[in-house]
Amino acid sequence: MTSPASQLLDWGWAGAPLEGPESGDLHVVVSHAHGALVAVIDALGHGPDAAAVAREVSALLCAAPTLPLDDLVRHCHEGLRTTRGAVMSVALFDPQRATVDWCGVGNVEGVLFRADSTRSRPREALSTRGGVIGYRLPPLKVARVPIARGDVLVLATDGIDVDFPNAVDVMRGGQEIADGILARYAKTTDDALVLAARYLGGSP
């Protein structure tokens, strides 16, 4: 689910359901006056029931995209208490601070790739906490990192092999990056989804 395209991000996504037309993996991109929220959701299981839960998480995110991330995740947790639950990673781009806040519960991988490869840390990985939104919420950890024009954030469900960072070319567009990761690293045993977002704003 997305809002109208933002000038802040060049993004794309790619996914494949395990079976049938519906996937329990879903992406969210919401632009607002202060920045943009991106998320990748993986509802437990697969098929129509998992897809319904993923859509419920998406609606909760889209209804409150400017909340601080820890409050937003707790909001989703309360909204999913009667469901099978989901795991999720979320990120909030703030062009005024030139930062991205991110937070993860469960095994949706997140990696930030730096456009400037000479930096001491050309990539940074999201530190996620074990748990299930709607069932068992861990103590949340929201990290804030600086971001510069051209940096690329990739979020991927566990239907994507964890080696995917080895194939990311930050010079390519968001859709091309997402398509390439899905083609090379999608598993055949689960729903799969990857989202790639290139930051188009300024440096700190």
N, C-alpha and C. Protein backbone atom coordinates (compact mmCIF):
# COMPACT_ATOMS: atom_id res chain seq x y z
N MET A 1 0.85 -1.19 0.00
CA MET A 1 0.00 0.00 0.00
C MET A 1 0.89 1.23 0.00
N THR A 2 0.54 2.22 -0.77
CA THR A 2 1.38 3.40 -0.88
C THR A 2 0.54 4.66 -0.95
N SER A 3 1.16 5.77 -0.59
CA SER A 3 0.60 7.08 -0.84
C SER A 3 1.15 7.57 -2.17
N PRO A 4 0.74 8.76 -2.65
CA PRO A 4 1.32 9.26 -3.89
C PRO A 4 2.84 9.34 -3.82
N ALA A 5 3.48 9.20 -4.96
CA ALA A 5 4.94 9.16 -5.02
C ALA A 5 5.56 10.40 -4.40
N SER A 6 6.64 10.19 -3.69
CA SER A 6 7.33 11.28 -3.02
C SER A 6 8.58 11.67 -3.79
N GLN A 7 8.97 12.93 -3.66
CA GLN A 7 10.25 13.37 -4.21
C GLN A 7 11.40 12.97 -3.31
N LEU A 8 11.10 12.37 -2.17
CA LEU A 8 12.14 12.03 -1.21
C LEU A 8 12.81 10.69 -1.50
N LEU A 9 12.09 9.78 -2.13
CA LEU A 9 12.59 8.42 -2.33
C LEU A 9 12.39 7.97 -3.77
N ASP A 10 13.35 7.22 -4.27
CA ASP A 10 13.19 6.45 -5.50
C ASP A 10 13.11 5.00 -5.05
N TRP A 11 11.93 4.41 -5.10
CA TRP A 11 11.77 3.11 -4.48
C TRP A 11 11.06 2.13 -5.41
N GLY A 12 11.25 0.85 -5.10
CA GLY A 12 10.56 -0.19 -5.82
C GLY A 12 10.48 -1.43 -4.96
N TRP A 13 9.60 -2.34 -5.32
CA TRP A 13 9.46 -3.57 -4.57
C TRP A 13 9.23 -4.73 -5.53
N ALA A 14 9.51 -5.92 -5.06
CA ALA A 14 9.28 -7.12 -5.84
C ALA A 14 8.92 -8.24 -4.87
N GLY A 15 7.99 -9.09 -5.26
CA GLY A 15 7.58 -10.16 -4.37
C GLY A 15 6.97 -11.32 -5.13
N ALA A 16 6.88 -12.45 -4.45
CA ALA A 16 6.29 -13.65 -5.03
C ALA A 16 5.62 -14.45 -3.93
N PRO A 17 4.33 -14.80 -4.09
CA PRO A 17 3.66 -15.64 -3.09
C PRO A 17 4.12 -17.08 -3.21
N LEU A 18 4.05 -17.79 -2.10
CA LEU A 18 4.41 -19.20 -2.12
C LEU A 18 3.44 -19.99 -2.99
N GLU A 19 2.16 -19.68 -2.86
CA GLU A 19 1.14 -20.37 -3.67
C GLU A 19 -0.08 -19.48 -3.79
N GLY A 20 -0.78 -19.58 -4.88
CA GLY A 20 -1.98 -18.78 -5.07
C GLY A 20 -1.66 -17.32 -5.34
N PRO A 21 -2.69 -16.49 -5.45
CA PRO A 21 -2.49 -15.09 -5.80
C PRO A 21 -2.15 -14.18 -4.63
N GLU A 22 -2.35 -14.66 -3.39
CA GLU A 22 -2.18 -13.78 -2.23
C GLU A 22 -0.94 -14.14 -1.43
N SER A 23 -0.29 -13.08 -0.92
CA SER A 23 0.92 -13.25 -0.13
C SER A 23 0.73 -12.67 1.26
N GLY A 24 1.35 -13.31 2.24
CA GLY A 24 1.37 -12.76 3.59
C GLY A 24 2.45 -11.72 3.79
N ASP A 25 3.25 -11.47 2.75
CA ASP A 25 4.28 -10.42 2.78
C ASP A 25 3.74 -9.18 2.08
N LEU A 26 3.95 -8.03 2.68
CA LEU A 26 3.39 -6.79 2.13
C LEU A 26 4.33 -5.64 2.43
N HIS A 27 4.36 -4.66 1.55
CA HIS A 27 5.16 -3.46 1.77
C HIS A 27 4.26 -2.26 1.98
N VAL A 28 4.79 -1.24 2.64
CA VAL A 28 4.09 0.02 2.85
C VAL A 28 5.07 1.16 2.59
N VAL A 29 4.65 2.14 1.82
CA VAL A 29 5.41 3.38 1.62
C VAL A 29 4.42 4.53 1.74
N VAL A 30 4.62 5.39 2.72
CA VAL A 30 3.71 6.51 2.95
C VAL A 30 4.51 7.80 3.05
N SER A 31 4.23 8.72 2.15
CA SER A 31 4.85 10.05 2.21
C SER A 31 3.97 10.98 3.03
N HIS A 32 4.60 11.86 3.80
CA HIS A 32 3.85 12.85 4.56
C HIS A 32 4.66 14.14 4.64
N ALA A 33 4.11 15.13 5.31
CA ALA A 33 4.72 16.46 5.29
C ALA A 33 6.12 16.48 5.88
N HIS A 34 6.44 15.53 6.76
CA HIS A 34 7.72 15.56 7.45
C HIS A 34 8.71 14.51 6.96
N GLY A 35 8.31 13.70 5.98
CA GLY A 35 9.22 12.67 5.49
C GLY A 35 8.49 11.52 4.86
N ALA A 36 8.96 10.31 5.12
CA ALA A 36 8.34 9.13 4.53
C ALA A 36 8.54 7.92 5.45
N LEU A 37 7.50 7.12 5.54
CA LEU A 37 7.54 5.87 6.29
C LEU A 37 7.59 4.72 5.31
N VAL A 38 8.49 3.77 5.53
CA VAL A 38 8.53 2.55 4.73
C VAL A 38 8.52 1.36 5.68
N ALA A 39 7.91 0.27 5.24
CA ALA A 39 7.83 -0.92 6.07
C ALA A 39 7.68 -2.15 5.20
N VAL A 40 8.15 -3.27 5.72
CA VAL A 40 7.90 -4.57 5.12
C VAL A 40 7.34 -5.47 6.22
N ILE A 41 6.21 -6.10 5.91
CA ILE A 41 5.44 -6.91 6.85
C ILE A 41 5.48 -8.35 6.39
N ASP A 42 5.60 -9.27 7.34
CA ASP A 42 5.51 -10.71 7.06
C ASP A 42 4.56 -11.32 8.08
N ALA A 43 3.30 -11.52 7.67
CA ALA A 43 2.34 -12.16 8.55
C ALA A 43 2.67 -13.64 8.70
N LEU A 44 2.41 -14.20 9.87
CA LEU A 44 2.75 -15.60 10.10
C LEU A 44 1.95 -16.50 9.15
N GLY A 45 2.62 -17.49 8.59
CA GLY A 45 1.99 -18.38 7.64
C GLY A 45 1.98 -17.80 6.25
N HIS A 46 1.06 -18.30 5.43
CA HIS A 46 0.93 -17.79 4.06
C HIS A 46 -0.50 -18.02 3.59
N GLY A 47 -0.80 -17.55 2.39
CA GLY A 47 -2.14 -17.70 1.85
C GLY A 47 -3.08 -16.59 2.27
N PRO A 48 -4.39 -16.75 2.00
CA PRO A 48 -5.36 -15.67 2.24
C PRO A 48 -5.42 -15.18 3.69
N ASP A 49 -5.31 -16.09 4.66
CA ASP A 49 -5.39 -15.66 6.07
C ASP A 49 -4.21 -14.77 6.44
N ALA A 50 -3.02 -15.15 6.00
CA ALA A 50 -1.84 -14.32 6.27
C ALA A 50 -1.95 -12.99 5.52
N ALA A 51 -2.45 -13.03 4.31
CA ALA A 51 -2.60 -11.79 3.53
C ALA A 51 -3.55 -10.83 4.23
N ALA A 52 -4.61 -11.34 4.84
CA ALA A 52 -5.57 -10.48 5.55
C ALA A 52 -4.90 -9.79 6.73
N VAL A 53 -4.06 -10.52 7.46
CA VAL A 53 -3.34 -9.92 8.60
C VAL A 53 -2.37 -8.86 8.10
N ALA A 54 -1.64 -9.14 7.02
CA ALA A 54 -0.70 -8.16 6.47
C ALA A 54 -1.42 -6.88 6.07
N ARG A 55 -2.60 -7.02 5.47
CA ARG A 55 -3.37 -5.83 5.09
C ARG A 55 -3.82 -5.05 6.32
N GLU A 56 -4.12 -5.76 7.40
CA GLU A 56 -4.52 -5.08 8.64
C GLU A 56 -3.36 -4.27 9.21
N VAL A 57 -2.15 -4.83 9.18
CA VAL A 57 -0.98 -4.08 9.64
C VAL A 57 -0.77 -2.86 8.76
N SER A 58 -0.90 -3.05 7.44
CA SER A 58 -0.73 -1.93 6.52
C SER A 58 -1.68 -0.79 6.83
N ALA A 59 -2.94 -1.12 7.11
CA ALA A 59 -3.93 -0.09 7.43
C ALA A 59 -3.56 0.65 8.71
N LEU A 60 -3.06 -0.08 9.71
CA LEU A 60 -2.66 0.56 10.96
C LEU A 60 -1.48 1.51 10.74
N LEU A 61 -0.52 1.10 9.92
CA LEU A 61 0.63 1.96 9.62
C LEU A 61 0.20 3.21 8.86
N CYS A 62 -0.64 3.02 7.88
CA CYS A 62 -1.05 4.15 7.04
C CYS A 62 -1.91 5.15 7.79
N ALA A 63 -2.56 4.70 8.85
CA ALA A 63 -3.42 5.58 9.64
C ALA A 63 -2.63 6.50 10.56
N ALA A 64 -1.36 6.15 10.85
CA ALA A 64 -0.58 6.94 11.80
C ALA A 64 0.90 6.98 11.41
N PRO A 65 1.23 7.43 10.20
CA PRO A 65 2.61 7.31 9.72
C PRO A 65 3.60 8.27 10.35
N THR A 66 3.11 9.26 11.11
CA THR A 66 4.03 10.23 11.72
C THR A 66 4.33 9.92 13.19
N LEU A 67 3.75 8.86 13.73
CA LEU A 67 4.06 8.50 15.12
C LEU A 67 5.53 8.12 15.26
N PRO A 68 6.14 8.37 16.41
CA PRO A 68 7.46 7.79 16.67
C PRO A 68 7.39 6.29 16.48
N LEU A 69 8.48 5.69 15.98
CA LEU A 69 8.41 4.30 15.57
C LEU A 69 8.04 3.35 16.70
N ASP A 70 8.55 3.58 17.91
CA ASP A 70 8.19 2.66 19.00
C ASP A 70 6.69 2.73 19.29
N ASP A 71 6.13 3.94 19.28
CA ASP A 71 4.68 4.07 19.48
C ASP A 71 3.91 3.42 18.33
N LEU A 72 4.42 3.56 17.12
CA LEU A 72 3.74 2.98 15.96
C LEU A 72 3.73 1.46 16.03
N VAL A 73 4.84 0.86 16.42
CA VAL A 73 4.89 -0.60 16.54
C VAL A 73 3.95 -1.07 17.64
N ARG A 74 3.91 -0.35 18.77
CA ARG A 74 2.98 -0.73 19.84
C ARG A 74 1.53 -0.59 19.38
N HIS A 75 1.26 0.43 18.59
CA HIS A 75 -0.07 0.62 18.02
C HIS A 75 -0.47 -0.58 17.17
N CYS A 76 0.46 -1.07 16.35
CA CYS A 76 0.19 -2.26 15.53
C CYS A 76 0.01 -3.50 16.40
N HIS A 77 0.83 -3.60 17.44
CA HIS A 77 0.73 -4.75 18.36
C HIS A 77 -0.67 -4.84 18.97
N GLU A 78 -1.18 -3.72 19.45
CA GLU A 78 -2.51 -3.72 20.05
C GLU A 78 -3.57 -4.07 19.01
N GLY A 79 -3.38 -3.60 17.78
CA GLY A 79 -4.35 -3.86 16.74
C GLY A 79 -4.37 -5.29 16.24
N LEU A 80 -3.32 -6.05 16.53
CA LEU A 80 -3.21 -7.42 16.02
C LEU A 80 -3.44 -8.48 17.09
N ARG A 81 -3.86 -8.11 18.27
CA ARG A 81 -3.94 -9.08 19.37
C ARG A 81 -4.88 -10.25 19.09
N THR A 82 -5.87 -10.06 18.26
CA THR A 82 -6.82 -11.15 17.98
C THR A 82 -6.47 -11.90 16.69
N THR A 83 -5.29 -11.65 16.12
CA THR A 83 -4.90 -12.29 14.87
C THR A 83 -3.76 -13.27 15.10
N ARG A 84 -3.29 -13.89 14.01
CA ARG A 84 -2.15 -14.81 14.09
C ARG A 84 -0.83 -14.07 14.29
N GLY A 85 -0.82 -12.74 14.07
CA GLY A 85 0.38 -11.93 14.29
C GLY A 85 1.25 -11.79 13.06
N ALA A 86 2.28 -10.99 13.22
CA ALA A 86 3.17 -10.68 12.11
C ALA A 86 4.52 -10.23 12.65
N VAL A 87 5.52 -10.28 11.79
CA VAL A 87 6.80 -9.63 12.06
C VAL A 87 6.95 -8.49 11.06
N MET A 88 7.82 -7.53 11.39
CA MET A 88 7.85 -6.31 10.57
C MET A 88 9.10 -5.51 10.87
N SER A 89 9.61 -4.85 9.86
CA SER A 89 10.63 -3.81 10.05
C SER A 89 10.11 -2.53 9.43
N VAL A 90 10.33 -1.42 10.13
CA VAL A 90 9.84 -0.11 9.69
C VAL A 90 10.97 0.91 9.74
N ALA A 91 10.89 1.90 8.87
CA ALA A 91 11.89 2.97 8.85
C ALA A 91 11.20 4.29 8.55
N LEU A 92 11.69 5.34 9.19
CA LEU A 92 11.12 6.67 9.02
C LEU A 92 12.22 7.62 8.55
N PHE A 93 12.08 8.11 7.30
CA PHE A 93 13.04 9.05 6.74
C PHE A 93 12.66 10.47 7.14
N ASP A 94 13.63 11.20 7.67
CA ASP A 94 13.42 12.59 8.10
C ASP A 94 14.38 13.49 7.33
N PRO A 95 13.92 14.19 6.29
CA PRO A 95 14.82 15.02 5.49
C PRO A 95 15.31 16.26 6.22
N GLN A 96 14.59 16.73 7.24
CA GLN A 96 15.04 17.90 7.98
C GLN A 96 16.30 17.58 8.79
N ARG A 97 16.32 16.42 9.41
CA ARG A 97 17.50 16.00 10.16
C ARG A 97 18.50 15.24 9.30
N ALA A 98 18.06 14.81 8.11
CA ALA A 98 18.86 13.91 7.26
C ALA A 98 19.22 12.65 8.04
N THR A 99 18.16 12.01 8.58
CA THR A 99 18.33 10.78 9.34
C THR A 99 17.26 9.78 8.92
N VAL A 100 17.51 8.54 9.27
CA VAL A 100 16.47 7.52 9.19
C VAL A 100 16.41 6.81 10.53
N ASP A 101 15.20 6.71 11.09
CA ASP A 101 14.96 5.91 12.28
C ASP A 101 14.45 4.55 11.81
N TRP A 102 14.92 3.48 12.44
CA TRP A 102 14.40 2.17 12.05
C TRP A 102 14.28 1.26 13.25
N CYS A 103 13.39 0.27 13.10
CA CYS A 103 13.06 -0.63 14.19
C CYS A 103 12.51 -1.92 13.58
N GLY A 104 12.87 -3.07 14.17
CA GLY A 104 12.39 -4.33 13.65
C GLY A 104 11.99 -5.29 14.74
N VAL A 105 10.90 -6.01 14.51
CA VAL A 105 10.46 -7.10 15.39
C VAL A 105 10.34 -8.35 14.52
N GLY A 106 11.15 -9.35 14.84
CA GLY A 106 11.15 -10.55 14.02
C GLY A 106 12.23 -10.53 12.96
N ASN A 107 12.03 -11.34 11.92
CA ASN A 107 13.12 -11.60 10.98
C ASN A 107 12.95 -10.97 9.61
N VAL A 108 12.47 -9.73 9.56
CA VAL A 108 12.53 -8.95 8.32
C VAL A 108 13.85 -8.20 8.33
N GLU A 109 14.74 -8.58 7.42
CA GLU A 109 16.08 -8.00 7.40
C GLU A 109 16.06 -6.57 6.86
N GLY A 110 16.95 -5.74 7.41
CA GLY A 110 17.11 -4.39 6.92
C GLY A 110 18.59 -4.04 6.80
N VAL A 111 18.97 -3.49 5.66
CA VAL A 111 20.35 -3.09 5.43
C VAL A 111 20.35 -1.72 4.75
N LEU A 112 21.17 -0.81 5.27
CA LEU A 112 21.35 0.51 4.67
C LEU A 112 22.70 0.54 3.97
N PHE A 113 22.67 0.78 2.67
CA PHE A 113 23.88 0.81 1.85
C PHE A 113 24.25 2.26 1.56
N ARG A 114 25.51 2.61 1.83
CA ARG A 114 25.97 3.97 1.63
C ARG A 114 26.39 4.22 0.19
N ALA A 115 25.93 5.35 -0.37
CA ALA A 115 26.34 5.71 -1.72
C ALA A 115 27.84 6.03 -1.78
N ASP A 116 28.38 6.57 -0.67
CA ASP A 116 29.81 6.88 -0.57
C ASP A 116 30.53 5.65 -0.03
N SER A 117 31.13 4.88 -0.92
CA SER A 117 31.76 3.62 -0.53
C SER A 117 33.04 3.82 0.26
N THR A 118 33.52 5.07 0.37
CA THR A 118 34.75 5.33 1.12
C THR A 118 34.48 5.48 2.62
N ARG A 119 33.21 5.50 3.00
CA ARG A 119 32.90 5.61 4.43
C ARG A 119 33.42 4.41 5.18
N SER A 120 33.70 4.60 6.47
CA SER A 120 34.25 3.51 7.28
C SER A 120 33.26 2.35 7.40
N ARG A 121 31.95 2.65 7.28
CA ARG A 121 30.93 1.60 7.33
C ARG A 121 30.05 1.75 6.08
N PRO A 122 30.43 1.09 4.98
CA PRO A 122 29.67 1.24 3.73
C PRO A 122 28.28 0.65 3.79
N ARG A 123 28.01 -0.20 4.78
CA ARG A 123 26.65 -0.70 4.97
C ARG A 123 26.39 -0.88 6.46
N GLU A 124 25.13 -0.72 6.85
CA GLU A 124 24.73 -0.91 8.24
C GLU A 124 23.51 -1.81 8.27
N ALA A 125 23.48 -2.75 9.20
CA ALA A 125 22.37 -3.69 9.31
C ALA A 125 21.45 -3.29 10.45
N LEU A 126 20.16 -3.44 10.22
CA LEU A 126 19.16 -3.20 11.25
C LEU A 126 19.26 -4.29 12.32
N SER A 127 19.28 -3.88 13.58
CA SER A 127 19.28 -4.82 14.69
C SER A 127 17.83 -5.07 15.10
N THR A 128 17.32 -6.27 14.78
CA THR A 128 15.93 -6.59 15.09
C THR A 128 15.83 -7.31 16.43
N ARG A 129 14.65 -7.29 17.00
CA ARG A 129 14.38 -7.99 18.25
C ARG A 129 13.42 -9.15 17.99
N GLY A 130 13.68 -10.30 18.62
CA GLY A 130 12.80 -11.45 18.46
C GLY A 130 11.44 -11.19 19.07
N GLY A 131 10.41 -11.66 18.41
CA GLY A 131 9.06 -11.49 18.90
C GLY A 131 8.07 -11.55 17.76
N VAL A 132 6.80 -11.39 18.10
CA VAL A 132 5.73 -11.39 17.12
C VAL A 132 4.76 -10.27 17.47
N ILE A 133 4.52 -9.37 16.55
CA ILE A 133 3.58 -8.27 16.78
C ILE A 133 2.17 -8.85 16.88
N GLY A 134 1.49 -8.53 17.96
CA GLY A 134 0.17 -9.07 18.23
C GLY A 134 0.19 -10.22 19.21
N TYR A 135 1.37 -10.77 19.48
CA TYR A 135 1.47 -11.91 20.41
C TYR A 135 2.48 -11.64 21.51
N ARG A 136 3.74 -11.42 21.15
CA ARG A 136 4.79 -11.17 22.15
C ARG A 136 5.68 -10.05 21.65
N LEU A 137 5.51 -8.87 22.24
CA LEU A 137 6.28 -7.71 21.82
C LEU A 137 7.52 -7.57 22.70
N PRO A 138 8.70 -7.57 22.12
CA PRO A 138 9.93 -7.43 22.91
C PRO A 138 10.16 -5.97 23.29
N PRO A 139 11.11 -5.69 24.19
CA PRO A 139 11.53 -4.30 24.38
C PRO A 139 12.02 -3.74 23.04
N LEU A 140 11.49 -2.59 22.65
CA LEU A 140 11.78 -2.07 21.32
C LEU A 140 13.05 -1.24 21.32
N LYS A 141 13.79 -1.35 20.23
CA LYS A 141 15.01 -0.57 20.05
C LYS A 141 14.90 0.19 18.74
N VAL A 142 14.81 1.51 18.85
CA VAL A 142 14.77 2.36 17.67
C VAL A 142 16.15 3.00 17.50
N ALA A 143 16.76 2.77 16.36
CA ALA A 143 18.07 3.36 16.07
C ALA A 143 17.90 4.52 15.11
N ARG A 144 18.71 5.54 15.29
CA ARG A 144 18.72 6.68 14.37
C ARG A 144 20.11 6.78 13.75
N VAL A 145 20.14 6.81 12.42
CA VAL A 145 21.42 6.91 11.73
C VAL A 145 21.35 8.04 10.71
N PRO A 146 22.47 8.73 10.48
CA PRO A 146 22.48 9.76 9.45
C PRO A 146 22.36 9.15 8.07
N ILE A 147 21.81 9.91 7.16
CA ILE A 147 21.62 9.42 5.80
C ILE A 147 21.99 10.52 4.81
N ALA A 148 22.53 10.12 3.68
CA ALA A 148 22.97 11.07 2.66
C ALA A 148 22.33 10.72 1.32
N ARG A 149 22.29 11.69 0.45
CA ARG A 149 21.69 11.48 -0.87
C ARG A 149 22.34 10.29 -1.57
N GLY A 150 21.50 9.40 -2.09
CA GLY A 150 21.98 8.23 -2.81
C GLY A 150 22.06 6.97 -1.97
N ASP A 151 22.00 7.09 -0.63
CA ASP A 151 21.99 5.90 0.21
C ASP A 151 20.74 5.07 -0.09
N VAL A 152 20.87 3.76 0.05
CA VAL A 152 19.78 2.84 -0.30
C VAL A 152 19.43 1.96 0.90
N LEU A 153 18.15 1.96 1.28
CA LEU A 153 17.65 1.07 2.31
C LEU A 153 16.95 -0.11 1.65
N VAL A 154 17.32 -1.32 2.07
CA VAL A 154 16.67 -2.53 1.57
C VAL A 154 16.06 -3.28 2.76
N LEU A 155 14.77 -3.62 2.64
CA LEU A 155 14.07 -4.45 3.62
C LEU A 155 13.61 -5.71 2.92
N ALA A 156 13.82 -6.88 3.55
CA ALA A 156 13.50 -8.15 2.90
C ALA A 156 12.96 -9.15 3.91
N THR A 157 11.91 -9.87 3.54
CA THR A 157 11.36 -10.91 4.40
C THR A 157 12.26 -12.14 4.36
N ASP A 158 11.91 -13.14 5.21
CA ASP A 158 12.75 -14.33 5.27
C ASP A 158 12.55 -15.27 4.08
N GLY A 159 11.69 -14.87 3.14
CA GLY A 159 11.62 -15.59 1.88
C GLY A 159 12.72 -15.19 0.92
N ILE A 160 13.56 -14.25 1.34
CA ILE A 160 14.74 -13.82 0.58
C ILE A 160 15.98 -14.32 1.32
N ASP A 161 16.88 -14.95 0.62
CA ASP A 161 18.10 -15.47 1.24
C ASP A 161 18.92 -14.35 1.86
N VAL A 162 19.52 -14.62 3.02
CA VAL A 162 20.23 -13.58 3.76
C VAL A 162 21.49 -13.10 3.05
N ASP A 163 21.91 -13.76 1.98
CA ASP A 163 23.09 -13.31 1.23
C ASP A 163 22.77 -12.17 0.28
N PHE A 164 21.54 -11.68 0.24
CA PHE A 164 21.16 -10.67 -0.75
C PHE A 164 22.02 -9.40 -0.71
N PRO A 165 22.58 -8.97 0.45
CA PRO A 165 23.37 -7.74 0.42
C PRO A 165 24.58 -7.80 -0.51
N ASN A 166 25.05 -9.01 -0.82
CA ASN A 166 26.23 -9.13 -1.68
C ASN A 166 25.96 -8.70 -3.12
N ALA A 167 24.69 -8.56 -3.49
CA ALA A 167 24.37 -8.27 -4.89
C ALA A 167 23.79 -6.88 -5.09
N VAL A 168 23.80 -6.03 -4.06
CA VAL A 168 23.18 -4.71 -4.18
C VAL A 168 24.17 -3.71 -4.79
N ASP A 169 23.76 -3.11 -5.90
CA ASP A 169 24.53 -2.06 -6.56
C ASP A 169 23.82 -0.74 -6.30
N VAL A 170 24.40 0.11 -5.45
CA VAL A 170 23.71 1.34 -5.03
C VAL A 170 23.57 2.35 -6.16
N MET A 171 24.23 2.10 -7.29
CA MET A 171 24.09 3.01 -8.42
C MET A 171 22.81 2.76 -9.21
N ARG A 172 22.13 1.66 -8.94
CA ARG A 172 20.92 1.32 -9.67
C ARG A 172 19.69 1.90 -8.97
N GLY A 173 18.59 1.99 -9.69
CA GLY A 173 17.35 2.51 -9.14
C GLY A 173 16.69 1.52 -8.20
N GLY A 174 15.75 2.01 -7.40
CA GLY A 174 15.10 1.17 -6.42
C GLY A 174 14.41 -0.04 -7.02
N GLN A 175 13.66 0.15 -8.11
CA GLN A 175 12.96 -0.98 -8.71
C GLN A 175 13.93 -2.01 -9.28
N GLU A 176 14.99 -1.55 -9.91
CA GLU A 176 15.97 -2.47 -10.47
C GLU A 176 16.66 -3.28 -9.38
N ILE A 177 16.97 -2.63 -8.25
CA ILE A 177 17.59 -3.34 -7.13
C ILE A 177 16.63 -4.42 -6.61
N ALA A 178 15.37 -4.05 -6.39
CA ALA A 178 14.40 -5.00 -5.86
C ALA A 178 14.20 -6.19 -6.81
N ASP A 179 14.06 -5.90 -8.09
CA ASP A 179 13.86 -6.97 -9.07
C ASP A 179 15.05 -7.92 -9.09
N GLY A 180 16.26 -7.36 -9.01
CA GLY A 180 17.45 -8.19 -9.05
C GLY A 180 17.58 -9.09 -7.84
N ILE A 181 17.25 -8.55 -6.66
CA ILE A 181 17.32 -9.36 -5.45
C ILE A 181 16.31 -10.50 -5.50
N LEU A 182 15.07 -10.19 -5.91
CA LEU A 182 14.06 -11.25 -5.97
C LEU A 182 14.48 -12.34 -6.95
N ALA A 183 14.98 -11.95 -8.10
CA ALA A 183 15.35 -12.93 -9.12
C ALA A 183 16.47 -13.85 -8.65
N ARG A 184 17.40 -13.33 -7.88
CA ARG A 184 18.58 -14.11 -7.49
C ARG A 184 18.43 -14.81 -6.15
N TYR A 185 17.62 -14.25 -5.24
CA TYR A 185 17.66 -14.72 -3.85
C TYR A 185 16.32 -15.18 -3.29
N ALA A 186 15.25 -15.17 -4.07
CA ALA A 186 13.97 -15.64 -3.55
C ALA A 186 14.02 -17.14 -3.30
N LYS A 187 13.48 -17.56 -2.16
CA LYS A 187 13.37 -18.98 -1.83
C LYS A 187 12.08 -19.53 -2.44
N THR A 188 12.00 -20.83 -2.53
CA THR A 188 10.80 -21.48 -3.07
C THR A 188 9.96 -22.11 -1.97
N THR A 189 10.28 -21.80 -0.72
CA THR A 189 9.60 -22.43 0.42
C THR A 189 8.74 -21.45 1.22
N ASP A 190 8.63 -20.20 0.78
CA ASP A 190 7.90 -19.21 1.56
C ASP A 190 7.52 -18.04 0.66
N ASP A 191 6.55 -17.23 1.11
CA ASP A 191 6.33 -15.94 0.47
C ASP A 191 7.63 -15.15 0.52
N ALA A 192 7.84 -14.31 -0.48
CA ALA A 192 9.06 -13.50 -0.53
C ALA A 192 8.72 -12.09 -0.95
N LEU A 193 9.39 -11.11 -0.32
CA LEU A 193 9.21 -9.71 -0.71
C LEU A 193 10.44 -8.92 -0.33
N VAL A 194 10.81 -8.00 -1.21
CA VAL A 194 11.94 -7.10 -0.96
C VAL A 194 11.55 -5.70 -1.41
N LEU A 195 11.93 -4.71 -0.63
CA LEU A 195 11.70 -3.30 -0.96
C LEU A 195 13.05 -2.58 -0.92
N ALA A 196 13.30 -1.77 -1.93
CA ALA A 196 14.53 -0.98 -1.98
C ALA A 196 14.16 0.49 -2.16
N ALA A 197 14.70 1.36 -1.30
CA ALA A 197 14.38 2.79 -1.32
C ALA A 197 15.67 3.60 -1.33
N ARG A 198 15.88 4.35 -2.41
CA ARG A 198 17.03 5.25 -2.51
C ARG A 198 16.61 6.63 -2.00
N TYR A 199 17.42 7.19 -1.09
CA TYR A 199 17.13 8.50 -0.52
C TYR A 199 17.59 9.59 -1.47
N LEU A 200 16.68 10.51 -1.80
CA LEU A 200 16.98 11.58 -2.76
C LEU A 200 17.16 12.93 -2.09
N GLY A 201 17.08 12.97 -0.76
CA GLY A 201 17.23 14.25 -0.06
C GLY A 201 18.69 14.63 0.09
N GLY A 202 18.94 15.63 0.93
CA GLY A 202 20.28 16.16 1.10
C GLY A 202 21.07 15.47 2.18
N SER A 203 22.34 15.83 2.30
CA SER A 203 23.23 15.31 3.33
C SER A 203 23.08 16.11 4.62
N PRO A 204 23.55 15.56 5.74
CA PRO A 204 23.48 16.32 7.00
C PRO A 204 24.25 17.63 6.89
